[in-house]
PDB file of N, CA and C in Angstrom:
ATOM      1  N   MET A   1      -0.361   5.037   3.952  1.00  0.00           N
ATOM      2  CA  MET A   1      -1.797   5.096   3.924  1.00  0.00           C
ATOM      3  C   MET A   1      -2.344   4.726   5.287  1.00  0.00           C
ATOM      4  N   PRO A   2      -3.279   5.461   5.787  1.00  0.00           N
ATOM      5  CA  PRO A   2      -3.878   5.123   7.069  1.00  0.00           C
ATOM      6  C   PRO A   2      -4.642   3.815   6.975  1.00  0.00           C
ATOM      7  N   SER A   3      -4.846   3.145   8.110  1.00  0.00           N
ATOM      8  CA  SER A   3      -5.520   1.857   8.103  1.00  0.00           C
ATOM      9  C   SER A   3      -6.970   1.967   7.691  1.00  0.00           C
ATOM     10  N   SER A   4      -7.558   3.163   7.694  1.00  0.00           N
ATOM     11  CA  SER A   4      -8.939   3.332   7.278  1.00  0.00           C
ATOM     12  C   SER A   4      -9.060   3.556   5.780  1.00  0.00           C
ATOM     13  N   PHE A   5      -7.966   3.434   5.032  1.00  0.00           N
ATOM     14  CA  PHE A   5      -7.956   3.641   3.597  1.00  0.00           C
ATOM     15  C   PHE A   5      -8.929   2.690   2.922  1.00  0.00           C
ATOM     16  N   SER A   6      -9.907   3.242   2.197  1.00  0.00           N
ATOM     17  CA  SER A   6     -10.826   2.413   1.433  1.00  0.00           C
ATOM     18  C   SER A   6     -11.210   3.157   0.169  1.00  0.00           C
ATOM     19  N   PRO A   7     -10.529   2.872  -0.970  1.00  0.00           N
ATOM     20  CA  PRO A   7     -10.786   3.584  -2.204  1.00  0.00           C
ATOM     21  C   PRO A   7     -12.152   3.207  -2.784  1.00  0.00           C
ATOM     22  N   PRO A   8     -12.677   4.017  -3.710  1.00  0.00           N
ATOM     23  CA  PRO A   8     -13.938   3.667  -4.352  1.00  0.00           C
ATOM     24  C   PRO A   8     -13.787   2.389  -5.174  1.00  0.00           C
ATOM     25  N   ARG A   9     -14.896   1.850  -5.630  1.00  0.00           N
ATOM     26  CA  ARG A   9     -14.881   0.588  -6.394  1.00  0.00           C
ATOM     27  C   ARG A   9     -13.904   0.617  -7.554  1.00  0.00           C
ATOM     28  N   LEU A  10     -13.936   1.701  -8.337  1.00  0.00           N
ATOM     29  CA  LEU A  10     -13.044   1.784  -9.484  1.00  0.00           C
ATOM     30  C   LEU A  10     -11.594   1.717  -9.038  1.00  0.00           C
ATOM     31  N   GLY A  11     -11.266   2.374  -7.934  1.00  0.00           N
ATOM     32  CA  GLY A  11      -9.905   2.318  -7.409  1.00  0.00           C
ATOM     33  C   GLY A  11      -9.502   0.902  -7.034  1.00  0.00           C
ATOM     34  N   ALA A  12     -10.439   0.142  -6.453  1.00  0.00           N
ATOM     35  CA  ALA A  12     -10.157  -1.249  -6.080  1.00  0.00           C
ATOM     36  C   ALA A  12      -9.894  -2.084  -7.321  1.00  0.00           C
ATOM     37  N   ILE A  13     -10.662  -1.846  -8.371  1.00  0.00           N
ATOM     38  CA  ILE A  13     -10.476  -2.603  -9.608  1.00  0.00           C
ATOM     39  C   ILE A  13      -9.118  -2.272 -10.231  1.00  0.00           C
ATOM     40  N   VAL A  14      -8.779  -0.978 -10.268  1.00  0.00           N
ATOM     41  CA  VAL A  14      -7.492  -0.564 -10.828  1.00  0.00           C
ATOM     42  C   VAL A  14      -6.341  -1.142 -10.020  1.00  0.00           C
ATOM     43  N   LEU A  15      -6.436  -1.088  -8.676  1.00  0.00           N
ATOM     44  CA  LEU A  15      -5.384  -1.633  -7.825  1.00  0.00           C
ATOM     45  C   LEU A  15      -5.236  -3.137  -8.053  1.00  0.00           C
ATOM     46  N   ALA A  16      -6.351  -3.849  -8.101  1.00  0.00           N
ATOM     47  CA  ALA A  16      -6.294  -5.300  -8.305  1.00  0.00           C
ATOM     48  C   ALA A  16      -5.668  -5.630  -9.654  1.00  0.00           C
ATOM     49  N   GLY A  17      -6.067  -4.906 -10.683  1.00  0.00           N
ATOM     50  CA  GLY A  17      -5.490  -5.131 -12.009  1.00  0.00           C
ATOM     51  C   GLY A  17      -4.006  -4.845 -12.022  1.00  0.00           C
ATOM     52  N   SER A  18      -3.608  -3.770 -11.353  1.00  0.00           N
ATOM     53  CA  SER A  18      -2.193  -3.421 -11.286  1.00  0.00           C
ATOM     54  C   SER A  18      -1.396  -4.487 -10.547  1.00  0.00           C
ATOM     55  N   LEU A  19      -1.973  -5.028  -9.474  1.00  0.00           N
ATOM     56  CA  LEU A  19      -1.301  -6.084  -8.718  1.00  0.00           C
ATOM     57  C   LEU A  19      -1.095  -7.317  -9.577  1.00  0.00           C
ATOM     58  N   LEU A  20      -2.098  -7.676 -10.330  1.00  0.00           N
ATOM     59  CA  LEU A  20      -1.997  -8.861 -11.175  1.00  0.00           C
ATOM     60  C   LEU A  20      -0.964  -8.665 -12.273  1.00  0.00           C
ATOM     61  N   LEU A  21      -0.974  -7.491 -12.920  1.00  0.00           N
ATOM     62  CA  LEU A  21      -0.006  -7.222 -13.978  1.00  0.00           C
ATOM     63  C   LEU A  21       1.405  -7.128 -13.427  1.00  0.00           C
ATOM     64  N   ALA A  22       1.561  -6.471 -12.310  1.00  0.00           N
ATOM     65  CA  ALA A  22       2.895  -6.270 -11.750  1.00  0.00           C
ATOM     66  C   ALA A  22       3.496  -7.558 -11.215  1.00  0.00           C
ATOM     67  N   SER A  23       2.661  -8.526 -10.839  1.00  0.00           N
ATOM     68  CA  SER A  23       3.204  -9.766 -10.296  1.00  0.00           C
ATOM     69  C   SER A  23       4.036 -10.507 -11.337  1.00  0.00           C
ATOM     70  N   SER A  24       3.751 -10.269 -12.615  1.00  0.00           N
ATOM     71  CA  SER A  24       4.553 -10.909 -13.648  1.00  0.00           C
ATOM     72  C   SER A  24       5.893 -10.199 -13.825  1.00  0.00           C
ATOM     73  N   ALA A  25       6.038  -9.015 -13.269  1.00  0.00           N
ATOM     74  CA  ALA A  25       7.283  -8.263 -13.361  1.00  0.00           C
ATOM     75  C   ALA A  25       8.079  -8.385 -12.072  1.00  0.00           C
ATOM     76  N   ALA A  26       8.053  -9.559 -11.450  1.00  0.00           N
ATOM     77  CA  ALA A  26       8.671  -9.764 -10.138  1.00  0.00           C
ATOM     78  C   ALA A  26      10.179  -9.527 -10.128  1.00  0.00           C
ATOM     79  N   ALA A  27      10.809  -9.486 -11.296  1.00  0.00           N
ATOM     80  CA  ALA A  27      12.245  -9.253 -11.339  1.00  0.00           C
ATOM     81  C   ALA A  27      12.580  -7.832 -10.881  1.00  0.00           C
ATOM     82  N   GLN A  28      11.630  -6.910 -11.029  1.00  0.00           N
ATOM     83  CA  GLN A  28      11.837  -5.546 -10.582  1.00  0.00           C
ATOM     84  C   GLN A  28      11.425  -5.426  -9.128  1.00  0.00           C
ATOM     85  N   LYS A  29      12.152  -4.613  -8.376  1.00  0.00           N
ATOM     86  CA  LYS A  29      11.825  -4.464  -6.960  1.00  0.00           C
ATOM     87  C   LYS A  29      10.558  -3.642  -6.758  1.00  0.00           C
ATOM     88  N   LEU A  30      10.486  -2.445  -7.353  1.00  0.00           N
ATOM     89  CA  LEU A  30       9.316  -1.582  -7.214  1.00  0.00           C
ATOM     90  C   LEU A  30       8.742  -1.267  -8.589  1.00  0.00           C
ATOM     91  N   VAL A  31       7.404  -1.309  -8.683  1.00  0.00           N
ATOM     92  CA  VAL A  31       6.712  -1.010  -9.923  1.00  0.00           C
ATOM     93  C   VAL A  31       5.714   0.110  -9.641  1.00  0.00           C
ATOM     94  N   GLU A  32       5.788   1.200 -10.407  1.00  0.00           N
ATOM     95  CA  GLU A  32       4.833   2.292 -10.206  1.00  0.00           C
ATOM     96  C   GLU A  32       3.466   1.841 -10.704  1.00  0.00           C
ATOM     97  N   ILE A  33       2.440   1.960  -9.827  1.00  0.00           N
ATOM     98  CA  ILE A  33       1.094   1.502 -10.190  1.00  0.00           C
ATOM     99  C   ILE A  33       0.067   2.627 -10.211  1.00  0.00           C
ATOM    100  N   GLY A  34       0.473   3.835  -9.857  1.00  0.00           N
ATOM    101  CA  GLY A  34      -0.468   4.939  -9.871  1.00  0.00           C
ATOM    102  C   GLY A  34       0.075   6.122  -9.113  1.00  0.00           C
ATOM    103  N   GLN A  35      -0.840   7.049  -8.782  1.00  0.00           N
ATOM    104  CA  GLN A  35      -0.465   8.252  -8.062  1.00  0.00           C
ATOM    105  C   GLN A  35      -1.491   8.551  -6.980  1.00  0.00           C
ATOM    106  N   THR A  36      -1.037   9.262  -5.955  1.00  0.00           N
ATOM    107  CA  THR A  36      -1.948   9.731  -4.912  1.00  0.00           C
ATOM    108  C   THR A  36      -2.739  10.919  -5.459  1.00  0.00           C
ATOM    109  N   SER A  37      -3.655  11.434  -4.656  1.00  0.00           N
ATOM    110  CA  SER A  37      -4.460  12.580  -5.083  1.00  0.00           C
ATOM    111  C   SER A  37      -3.626  13.834  -5.318  1.00  0.00           C
ATOM    112  N   VAL A  38      -2.419  13.907  -4.747  1.00  0.00           N
ATOM    113  CA  VAL A  38      -1.547  15.062  -4.961  1.00  0.00           C
ATOM    114  C   VAL A  38      -0.461  14.777  -5.991  1.00  0.00           C
ATOM    115  N   GLY A  39      -0.555  13.647  -6.677  1.00  0.00           N
ATOM    116  CA  GLY A  39       0.368  13.326  -7.754  1.00  0.00           C
ATOM    117  C   GLY A  39       1.628  12.595  -7.361  1.00  0.00           C
ATOM    118  N   THR A  40       1.737  12.168  -6.122  1.00  0.00           N
ATOM    119  CA  THR A  40       2.909  11.418  -5.669  1.00  0.00           C
ATOM    120  C   THR A  40       2.800   9.974  -6.161  1.00  0.00           C
ATOM    121  N   PRO A  41       3.865   9.412  -6.741  1.00  0.00           N
ATOM    122  CA  PRO A  41       3.799   8.043  -7.242  1.00  0.00           C
ATOM    123  C   PRO A  41       3.557   7.008  -6.140  1.00  0.00           C
ATOM    124  N   VAL A  42       2.794   5.968  -6.479  1.00  0.00           N
ATOM    125  CA  VAL A  42       2.542   4.832  -5.595  1.00  0.00           C
ATOM    126  C   VAL A  42       3.255   3.643  -6.226  1.00  0.00           C
ATOM    127  N   PHE A  43       4.042   2.933  -5.414  1.00  0.00           N
ATOM    128  CA  PHE A  43       4.837   1.819  -5.917  1.00  0.00           C
ATOM    129  C   PHE A  43       4.403   0.500  -5.297  1.00  0.00           C
ATOM    130  N   LEU A  44       4.427  -0.543  -6.097  1.00  0.00           N
ATOM    131  CA  LEU A  44       4.130  -1.900  -5.659  1.00  0.00           C
ATOM    132  C   LEU A  44       5.440  -2.649  -5.483  1.00  0.00           C
ATOM    133  N   GLU A  45       5.581  -3.366  -4.369  1.00  0.00           N
ATOM    134  CA  GLU A  45       6.705  -4.292  -4.196  1.00  0.00           C
ATOM    135  C   GLU A  45       6.311  -5.572  -4.918  1.00  0.00           C
ATOM    136  N   ALA A  46       6.784  -5.718  -6.148  1.00  0.00           N
ATOM    137  CA  ALA A  46       6.334  -6.801  -7.021  1.00  0.00           C
ATOM    138  C   ALA A  46       6.511  -8.187  -6.394  1.00  0.00           C
ATOM    139  N   LYS A  47       7.588  -8.394  -5.660  1.00  0.00           N
ATOM    140  CA  LYS A  47       7.844  -9.712  -5.062  1.00  0.00           C
ATOM    141  C   LYS A  47       6.909 -10.022  -3.895  1.00  0.00           C
ATOM    142  N   SER A  48       6.159  -9.016  -3.429  1.00  0.00           N
ATOM    143  CA  SER A  48       5.274  -9.226  -2.282  1.00  0.00           C
ATOM    144  C   SER A  48       3.900  -9.772  -2.679  1.00  0.00           C
ATOM    145  N   VAL A  49       3.591  -9.814  -3.953  1.00  0.00           N
ATOM    146  CA  VAL A  49       2.258 -10.200  -4.414  1.00  0.00           C
ATOM    147  C   VAL A  49       2.027 -11.699  -4.214  1.00  0.00           C
ATOM    148  N   THR A  50       0.939 -12.017  -3.496  1.00  0.00           N
ATOM    149  CA  THR A  50       0.531 -13.417  -3.311  1.00  0.00           C
ATOM    150  C   THR A  50      -0.972 -13.519  -3.557  1.00  0.00           C
ATOM    151  N   ARG A  51      -1.433 -14.728  -3.889  1.00  0.00           N
ATOM    152  CA  ARG A  51      -2.857 -14.985  -4.101  1.00  0.00           C
ATOM    153  C   ARG A  51      -3.257 -16.202  -3.280  1.00  0.00           C
ATOM    154  N   ARG A  52      -4.409 -16.083  -2.597  1.00  0.00           N
ATOM    155  CA  ARG A  52      -4.918 -17.224  -1.828  1.00  0.00           C
ATOM    156  C   ARG A  52      -6.419 -17.055  -1.641  1.00  0.00           C
ATOM    157  N   ASP A  53      -7.169 -18.053  -2.015  1.00  0.00           N
ATOM    158  CA  ASP A  53      -8.622 -18.058  -1.841  1.00  0.00           C
ATOM    159  C   ASP A  53      -9.286 -16.803  -2.395  1.00  0.00           C
ATOM    160  N   GLY A  54      -8.852 -16.349  -3.572  1.00  0.00           N
ATOM    161  CA  GLY A  54      -9.463 -15.197  -4.216  1.00  0.00           C
ATOM    162  C   GLY A  54      -9.000 -13.852  -3.684  1.00  0.00           C
ATOM    163  N   ILE A  55      -8.055 -13.847  -2.743  1.00  0.00           N
ATOM    164  CA  ILE A  55      -7.537 -12.600  -2.166  1.00  0.00           C
ATOM    165  C   ILE A  55      -6.111 -12.371  -2.671  1.00  0.00           C
ATOM    166  N   VAL A  56      -5.869 -11.192  -3.217  1.00  0.00           N
ATOM    167  CA  VAL A  56      -4.525 -10.794  -3.635  1.00  0.00           C
ATOM    168  C   VAL A  56      -3.961  -9.906  -2.522  1.00  0.00           C
ATOM    169  N   THR A  57      -2.789 -10.268  -2.008  1.00  0.00           N
ATOM    170  CA  THR A  57      -2.137  -9.501  -0.945  1.00  0.00           C
ATOM    171  C   THR A  57      -0.827  -8.948  -1.491  1.00  0.00           C
ATOM    172  N   ALA A  58      -0.555  -7.671  -1.217  1.00  0.00           N
ATOM    173  CA  ALA A  58       0.670  -7.058  -1.726  1.00  0.00           C
ATOM    174  C   ALA A  58       1.033  -5.845  -0.886  1.00  0.00           C
ATOM    175  N   ALA A  59       2.311  -5.463  -0.948  1.00  0.00           N
ATOM    176  CA  ALA A  59       2.805  -4.276  -0.248  1.00  0.00           C
ATOM    177  C   ALA A  59       2.954  -3.127  -1.235  1.00  0.00           C
ATOM    178  N   VAL A  60       2.493  -1.941  -0.814  1.00  0.00           N
ATOM    179  CA  VAL A  60       2.649  -0.733  -1.621  1.00  0.00           C
ATOM    180  C   VAL A  60       3.401   0.310  -0.800  1.00  0.00           C
ATOM    181  N   ARG A  61       4.161   1.139  -1.502  1.00  0.00           N
ATOM    182  CA  ARG A  61       4.950   2.189  -0.849  1.00  0.00           C
ATOM    183  C   ARG A  61       4.606   3.541  -1.466  1.00  0.00           C
ATOM    184  N   VAL A  62       4.679   4.581  -0.636  1.00  0.00           N
ATOM    185  CA  VAL A  62       4.412   5.935  -1.122  1.00  0.00           C
ATOM    186  C   VAL A  62       5.166   6.944  -0.252  1.00  0.00           C
ATOM    187  N   ARG A  63       5.637   8.014  -0.877  1.00  0.00           N
ATOM    188  CA  ARG A  63       6.185   9.150  -0.127  1.00  0.00           C
ATOM    189  C   ARG A  63       5.011  10.017   0.273  1.00  0.00           C
ATOM    190  N   LEU A  64       5.023  10.490   1.490  1.00  0.00           N
ATOM    191  CA  LEU A  64       3.916  11.298   1.991  1.00  0.00           C
ATOM    192  C   LEU A  64       4.181  12.763   1.681  1.00  0.00           C
ATOM    193  N   GLN A  65       3.305  13.352   0.861  1.00  0.00           N
ATOM    194  CA  GLN A  65       3.436  14.748   0.458  1.00  0.00           C
ATOM    195  C   GLN A  65       2.160  15.487   0.778  1.00  0.00           C
ATOM    196  N   PRO A  66       2.129  16.393   1.695  1.00  0.00           N
ATOM    197  CA  PRO A  66       3.224  16.777   2.581  1.00  0.00           C
ATOM    198  C   PRO A  66       3.417  15.733   3.679  1.00  0.00           C
ATOM    199  N   PRO A  67       4.570  15.734   4.347  1.00  0.00           N
ATOM    200  CA  PRO A  67       4.809  14.788   5.444  1.00  0.00           C
ATOM    201  C   PRO A  67       3.756  14.953   6.541  1.00  0.00           C
ATOM    202  N   LEU A  68       3.450  13.853   7.234  1.00  0.00           N
ATOM    203  CA  LEU A  68       2.497  13.884   8.343  1.00  0.00           C
ATOM    204  C   LEU A  68       3.245  14.233   9.628  1.00  0.00           C
ATOM    205  N   LYS A  69       2.662  15.107  10.419  1.00  0.00           N
ATOM    206  CA  LYS A  69       3.275  15.492  11.694  1.00  0.00           C
ATOM    207  C   LYS A  69       3.078  14.364  12.708  1.00  0.00           C
ATOM    208  N   HIS A  70       4.127  14.069  13.469  1.00  0.00           N
ATOM    209  CA  HIS A  70       4.096  13.006  14.464  1.00  0.00           C
ATOM    210  C   HIS A  70       4.995  13.412  15.621  1.00  0.00           C
ATOM    211  N   ALA A  71       4.764  12.857  16.791  1.00  0.00           N
ATOM    212  CA  ALA A  71       5.551  13.199  17.983  1.00  0.00           C
ATOM    213  C   ALA A  71       7.050  12.943  17.786  1.00  0.00           C
ATOM    214  N   LEU A  72       7.415  11.915  17.022  1.00  0.00           N
ATOM    215  CA  LEU A  72       8.824  11.595  16.801  1.00  0.00           C
ATOM    216  C   LEU A  72       9.455  12.416  15.692  1.00  0.00           C
ATOM    217  N   GLY A  73       8.629  13.107  14.911  1.00  0.00           N
ATOM    218  CA  GLY A  73       9.118  13.883  13.768  1.00  0.00           C
ATOM    219  C   GLY A  73       8.177  13.701  12.590  1.00  0.00           C
ATOM    220  N   ASP A  74       8.525  14.279  11.459  1.00  0.00           N
ATOM    221  CA  ASP A  74       7.690  14.177  10.265  1.00  0.00           C
ATOM    222  C   ASP A  74       7.758  12.768   9.681  1.00  0.00           C
ATOM    223  N   LEU A  75       6.588  12.210   9.387  1.00  0.00           N
ATOM    224  CA  LEU A  75       6.512  10.909   8.723  1.00  0.00           C
ATOM    225  C   LEU A  75       6.571  11.178   7.229  1.00  0.00           C
ATOM    226  N   ARG A  76       7.602  10.663   6.554  1.00  0.00           N
ATOM    227  CA  ARG A  76       7.880  11.028   5.165  1.00  0.00           C
ATOM    228  C   ARG A  76       7.510   9.963   4.137  1.00  0.00           C
ATOM    229  N   SER A  77       7.368   8.717   4.548  1.00  0.00           N
ATOM    230  CA  SER A  77       6.998   7.664   3.597  1.00  0.00           C
ATOM    231  C   SER A  77       6.258   6.559   4.337  1.00  0.00           C
ATOM    232  N   SER A  78       5.578   5.716   3.558  1.00  0.00           N
ATOM    233  CA  SER A  78       4.824   4.627   4.177  1.00  0.00           C
ATOM    234  C   SER A  78       4.937   3.356   3.344  1.00  0.00           C
ATOM    235  N   ARG A  79       4.701   2.245   4.017  1.00  0.00           N
ATOM    236  CA  ARG A  79       4.615   0.922   3.387  1.00  0.00           C
ATOM    237  C   ARG A  79       3.381   0.269   3.976  1.00  0.00           C
ATOM    238  N   THR A  80       2.476  -0.166   3.116  1.00  0.00           N
ATOM    239  CA  THR A  80       1.224  -0.765   3.568  1.00  0.00           C
ATOM    240  C   THR A  80       1.011  -2.103   2.890  1.00  0.00           C
ATOM    241  N   ILE A  81       0.617  -3.108   3.671  1.00  0.00           N
ATOM    242  CA  ILE A  81       0.230  -4.390   3.093  1.00  0.00           C
ATOM    243  C   ILE A  81      -1.282  -4.353   2.940  1.00  0.00           C
ATOM    244  N   ALA A  82      -1.721  -4.475   1.690  1.00  0.00           N
ATOM    245  CA  ALA A  82      -3.147  -4.422   1.368  1.00  0.00           C
ATOM    246  C   ALA A  82      -3.632  -5.782   0.900  1.00  0.00           C
ATOM    247  N   MET A  83      -4.893  -6.069   1.221  1.00  0.00           N
ATOM    248  CA  MET A  83      -5.547  -7.305   0.772  1.00  0.00           C
ATOM    249  C   MET A  83      -6.698  -6.892  -0.149  1.00  0.00           C
ATOM    250  N   VAL A  84      -6.717  -7.427  -1.373  1.00  0.00           N
ATOM    251  CA  VAL A  84      -7.720  -7.065  -2.360  1.00  0.00           C
ATOM    252  C   VAL A  84      -8.577  -8.284  -2.671  1.00  0.00           C
ATOM    253  N   ASP A  85      -9.888  -8.139  -2.505  1.00  0.00           N
ATOM    254  CA  ASP A  85     -10.846  -9.178  -2.899  1.00  0.00           C
ATOM    255  C   ASP A  85     -11.451  -8.716  -4.213  1.00  0.00           C
ATOM    256  N   CYS A  86     -10.955  -9.270  -5.316  1.00  0.00           N
ATOM    257  CA  CYS A  86     -11.381  -8.825  -6.645  1.00  0.00           C
ATOM    258  C   CYS A  86     -12.867  -9.097  -6.882  1.00  0.00           C
ATOM    259  N   ALA A  87     -13.364 -10.232  -6.418  1.00  0.00           N
ATOM    260  CA  ALA A  87     -14.767 -10.589  -6.630  1.00  0.00           C
ATOM    261  C   ALA A  87     -15.704  -9.604  -5.933  1.00  0.00           C
ATOM    262  N   LYS A  88     -15.338  -9.189  -4.731  1.00  0.00           N
ATOM    263  CA  LYS A  88     -16.166  -8.250  -3.964  1.00  0.00           C
ATOM    264  C   LYS A  88     -15.791  -6.795  -4.216  1.00  0.00           C
ATOM    265  N   GLN A  89     -14.692  -6.576  -4.956  1.00  0.00           N
ATOM    266  CA  GLN A  89     -14.179  -5.242  -5.256  1.00  0.00           C
ATOM    267  C   GLN A  89     -13.929  -4.444  -3.970  1.00  0.00           C
ATOM    268  N   THR A  90     -13.225  -5.077  -3.016  1.00  0.00           N
ATOM    269  CA  THR A  90     -12.912  -4.426  -1.755  1.00  0.00           C
ATOM    270  C   THR A  90     -11.401  -4.470  -1.492  1.00  0.00           C
ATOM    271  N   VAL A  91     -10.940  -3.504  -0.691  1.00  0.00           N
ATOM    272  CA  VAL A  91      -9.541  -3.422  -0.284  1.00  0.00           C
ATOM    273  C   VAL A  91      -9.498  -3.272   1.229  1.00  0.00           C
ATOM    274  N   ALA A  92      -8.595  -4.002   1.878  1.00  0.00           N
ATOM    275  CA  ALA A  92      -8.431  -3.886   3.329  1.00  0.00           C
ATOM    276  C   ALA A  92      -6.950  -3.757   3.647  1.00  0.00           C
ATOM    277  N   THR A  93      -6.632  -2.910   4.618  1.00  0.00           N
ATOM    278  CA  THR A  93      -5.261  -2.762   5.089  1.00  0.00           C
ATOM    279  C   THR A  93      -4.990  -3.836   6.138  1.00  0.00           C
ATOM    280  N   LYS A  94      -3.855  -4.510   5.990  1.00  0.00           N
ATOM    281  CA  LYS A  94      -3.453  -5.548   6.942  1.00  0.00           C
ATOM    282  C   LYS A  94      -2.429  -5.003   7.937  1.00  0.00           C
ATOM    283  N   GLU A  95      -1.458  -4.234   7.417  1.00  0.00           N
ATOM    284  CA  GLU A  95      -0.381  -3.715   8.256  1.00  0.00           C
ATOM    285  C   GLU A  95       0.227  -2.483   7.577  1.00  0.00           C
ATOM    286  N   SER A  96       0.647  -1.502   8.377  1.00  0.00           N
ATOM    287  CA  SER A  96       1.246  -0.278   7.835  1.00  0.00           C
ATOM    288  C   SER A  96       2.453   0.155   8.656  1.00  0.00           C
ATOM    289  N   TRP A  97       3.448   0.669   7.964  1.00  0.00           N
ATOM    290  CA  TRP A  97       4.618   1.276   8.578  1.00  0.00           C
ATOM    291  C   TRP A  97       4.708   2.696   8.054  1.00  0.00           C
ATOM    292  N   TYR A  98       5.030   3.632   8.923  1.00  0.00           N
ATOM    293  CA  TYR A  98       5.260   5.021   8.538  1.00  0.00           C
ATOM    294  C   TYR A  98       6.692   5.352   8.934  1.00  0.00           C
ATOM    295  N   TYR A  99       7.435   5.936   7.990  1.00  0.00           N
ATOM    296  CA  TYR A  99       8.864   6.147   8.189  1.00  0.00           C
ATOM    297  C   TYR A  99       9.213   7.618   8.345  1.00  0.00           C
ATOM    298  N   LEU A 100      10.264   7.867   9.113  1.00  0.00           N
ATOM    299  CA  LEU A 100      10.761   9.215   9.357  1.00  0.00           C
ATOM    300  C   LEU A 100      11.692   9.698   8.250  1.00  0.00           C
ATOM    301  N   ASP A 101      11.964   8.844   7.275  1.00  0.00           N
ATOM    302  CA  ASP A 101      12.836   9.201   6.156  1.00  0.00           C
ATOM    303  C   ASP A 101      12.217   8.726   4.844  1.00  0.00           C
ATOM    304  N   ASP A 102      12.665   9.308   3.739  1.00  0.00           N
ATOM    305  CA  ASP A 102      12.144   8.936   2.425  1.00  0.00           C
ATOM    306  C   ASP A 102      12.552   7.524   2.013  1.00  0.00           C
ATOM    307  N   ALA A 103      13.678   7.056   2.504  1.00  0.00           N
ATOM    308  CA  ALA A 103      14.199   5.741   2.123  1.00  0.00           C
ATOM    309  C   ALA A 103      13.447   4.589   2.794  1.00  0.00           C
ATOM    310  N   GLY A 104      12.653   4.878   3.818  1.00  0.00           N
ATOM    311  CA  GLY A 104      11.918   3.823   4.497  1.00  0.00           C
ATOM    312  C   GLY A 104      12.781   2.965   5.405  1.00  0.00           C
ATOM    313  N   LYS A 105      13.689   3.590   6.113  1.00  0.00           N
ATOM    314  CA  LYS A 105      14.594   2.853   7.006  1.00  0.00           C
ATOM    315  C   LYS A 105      14.287   3.098   8.486  1.00  0.00           C
ATOM    316  N   ARG A 106      13.869   4.318   8.848  1.00  0.00           N
ATOM    317  CA  ARG A 106      13.639   4.682  10.249  1.00  0.00           C
ATOM    318  C   ARG A 106      12.141   4.679  10.550  1.00  0.00           C
ATOM    319  N   VAL A 107      11.674   3.657  11.241  1.00  0.00           N
ATOM    320  CA  VAL A 107      10.248   3.508  11.529  1.00  0.00           C
ATOM    321  C   VAL A 107       9.815   4.520  12.580  1.00  0.00           C
ATOM    322  N   GLY A 108       8.786   5.293  12.242  1.00  0.00           N
ATOM    323  CA  GLY A 108       8.226   6.252  13.181  1.00  0.00           C
ATOM    324  C   GLY A 108       6.932   5.744  13.797  1.00  0.00           C
ATOM    325  N   MET A 109       6.232   4.885  13.054  1.00  0.00           N
ATOM    326  CA  MET A 109       4.971   4.346  13.538  1.00  0.00           C
ATOM    327  C   MET A 109       4.676   3.039  12.788  1.00  0.00           C
ATOM    328  N   HIS A 110       4.129   2.068  13.505  1.00  0.00           N
ATOM    329  CA  HIS A 110       3.775   0.770  12.924  1.00  0.00           C
ATOM    330  C   HIS A 110       2.400   0.387  13.413  1.00  0.00           C
ATOM    331  N   LYS A 111       1.501   0.010  12.501  1.00  0.00           N
ATOM    332  CA  LYS A 111       0.145  -0.385  12.862  1.00  0.00           C
ATOM    333  C   LYS A 111      -0.163  -1.758  12.281  1.00  0.00           C
ATOM    334  N   VAL A 112      -0.754  -2.624  13.113  1.00  0.00           N
ATOM    335  CA  VAL A 112      -1.219  -3.935  12.658  1.00  0.00           C
ATOM    336  C   VAL A 112      -2.726  -3.948  12.890  1.00  0.00           C
ATOM    337  N   VAL A 113      -3.473  -4.256  11.851  1.00  0.00           N
ATOM    338  CA  VAL A 113      -4.926  -4.316  11.947  1.00  0.00           C
ATOM    339  C   VAL A 113      -5.294  -5.725  12.412  1.00  0.00           C
ATOM    340  N   LYS A 114      -6.006  -5.839  13.541  1.00  0.00           N
ATOM    341  CA  LYS A 114      -6.355  -7.145  14.093  1.00  0.00           C
ATOM    342  C   LYS A 114      -7.258  -7.922  13.148  1.00  0.00           C
ATOM    343  N   LEU A 115      -8.245  -7.260  12.567  1.00  0.00           N
ATOM    344  CA  LEU A 115      -9.175  -7.891  11.652  1.00  0.00           C
ATOM    345  C   LEU A 115      -9.272  -7.021  10.405  1.00  0.00           C
ATOM    346  N   PRO A 116      -8.417  -7.287   9.384  1.00  0.00           N
ATOM    347  CA  PRO A 116      -8.429  -6.448   8.185  1.00  0.00           C
ATOM    348  C   PRO A 116      -9.825  -6.334   7.580  1.00  0.00           C
ATOM    349  N   GLY A 117     -10.145  -5.114   7.172  1.00  0.00           N
ATOM    350  CA  GLY A 117     -11.437  -4.872   6.540  1.00  0.00           C
ATOM    351  C   GLY A 117     -12.556  -4.556   7.492  1.00  0.00           C
ATOM    352  N   SER A 118     -12.283  -4.577   8.802  1.00  0.00           N
ATOM    353  CA  SER A 118     -13.357  -4.313   9.762  1.00  0.00           C
ATOM    354  C   SER A 118     -13.418  -2.851  10.134  1.00  0.00           C
TER     355      SER A 118
END
C-alpha cells in the first residue's frame, strides 16, 4: 500500500475491528482480514498488533495485482505498518516495504513516513 493510503471511515472501522479480533489469534502467523479492490486477500501479521494510548499498530501484507512497475523490476507484494486511531476513525501508514517477489524476501523499495498521518 502506498504511504498515502487513507481508506474511508467505514474501512477504518473494519480494519480496527479486524485488528482487535485478530490480536486474539496471535498463534497464527497471518490472518486474512479482507480484500483489495481487485479481490486480492489482505493479511494481518497477528503477532505485530500492539495498543498504546488509543492507537492500534499492526503490519498488513498484500500481493500486488497487477504488480507495480519499478526500476529494479516488478513489485509483487507489500508489507505496511499501519496505525489506527479508533476514536478518530483514522488510519496512518508508518512504514512500507515493497518486494520483488511474492514471498516478501527481496526488498525492492522501502519507505519510512517521518510523521505518520501527515
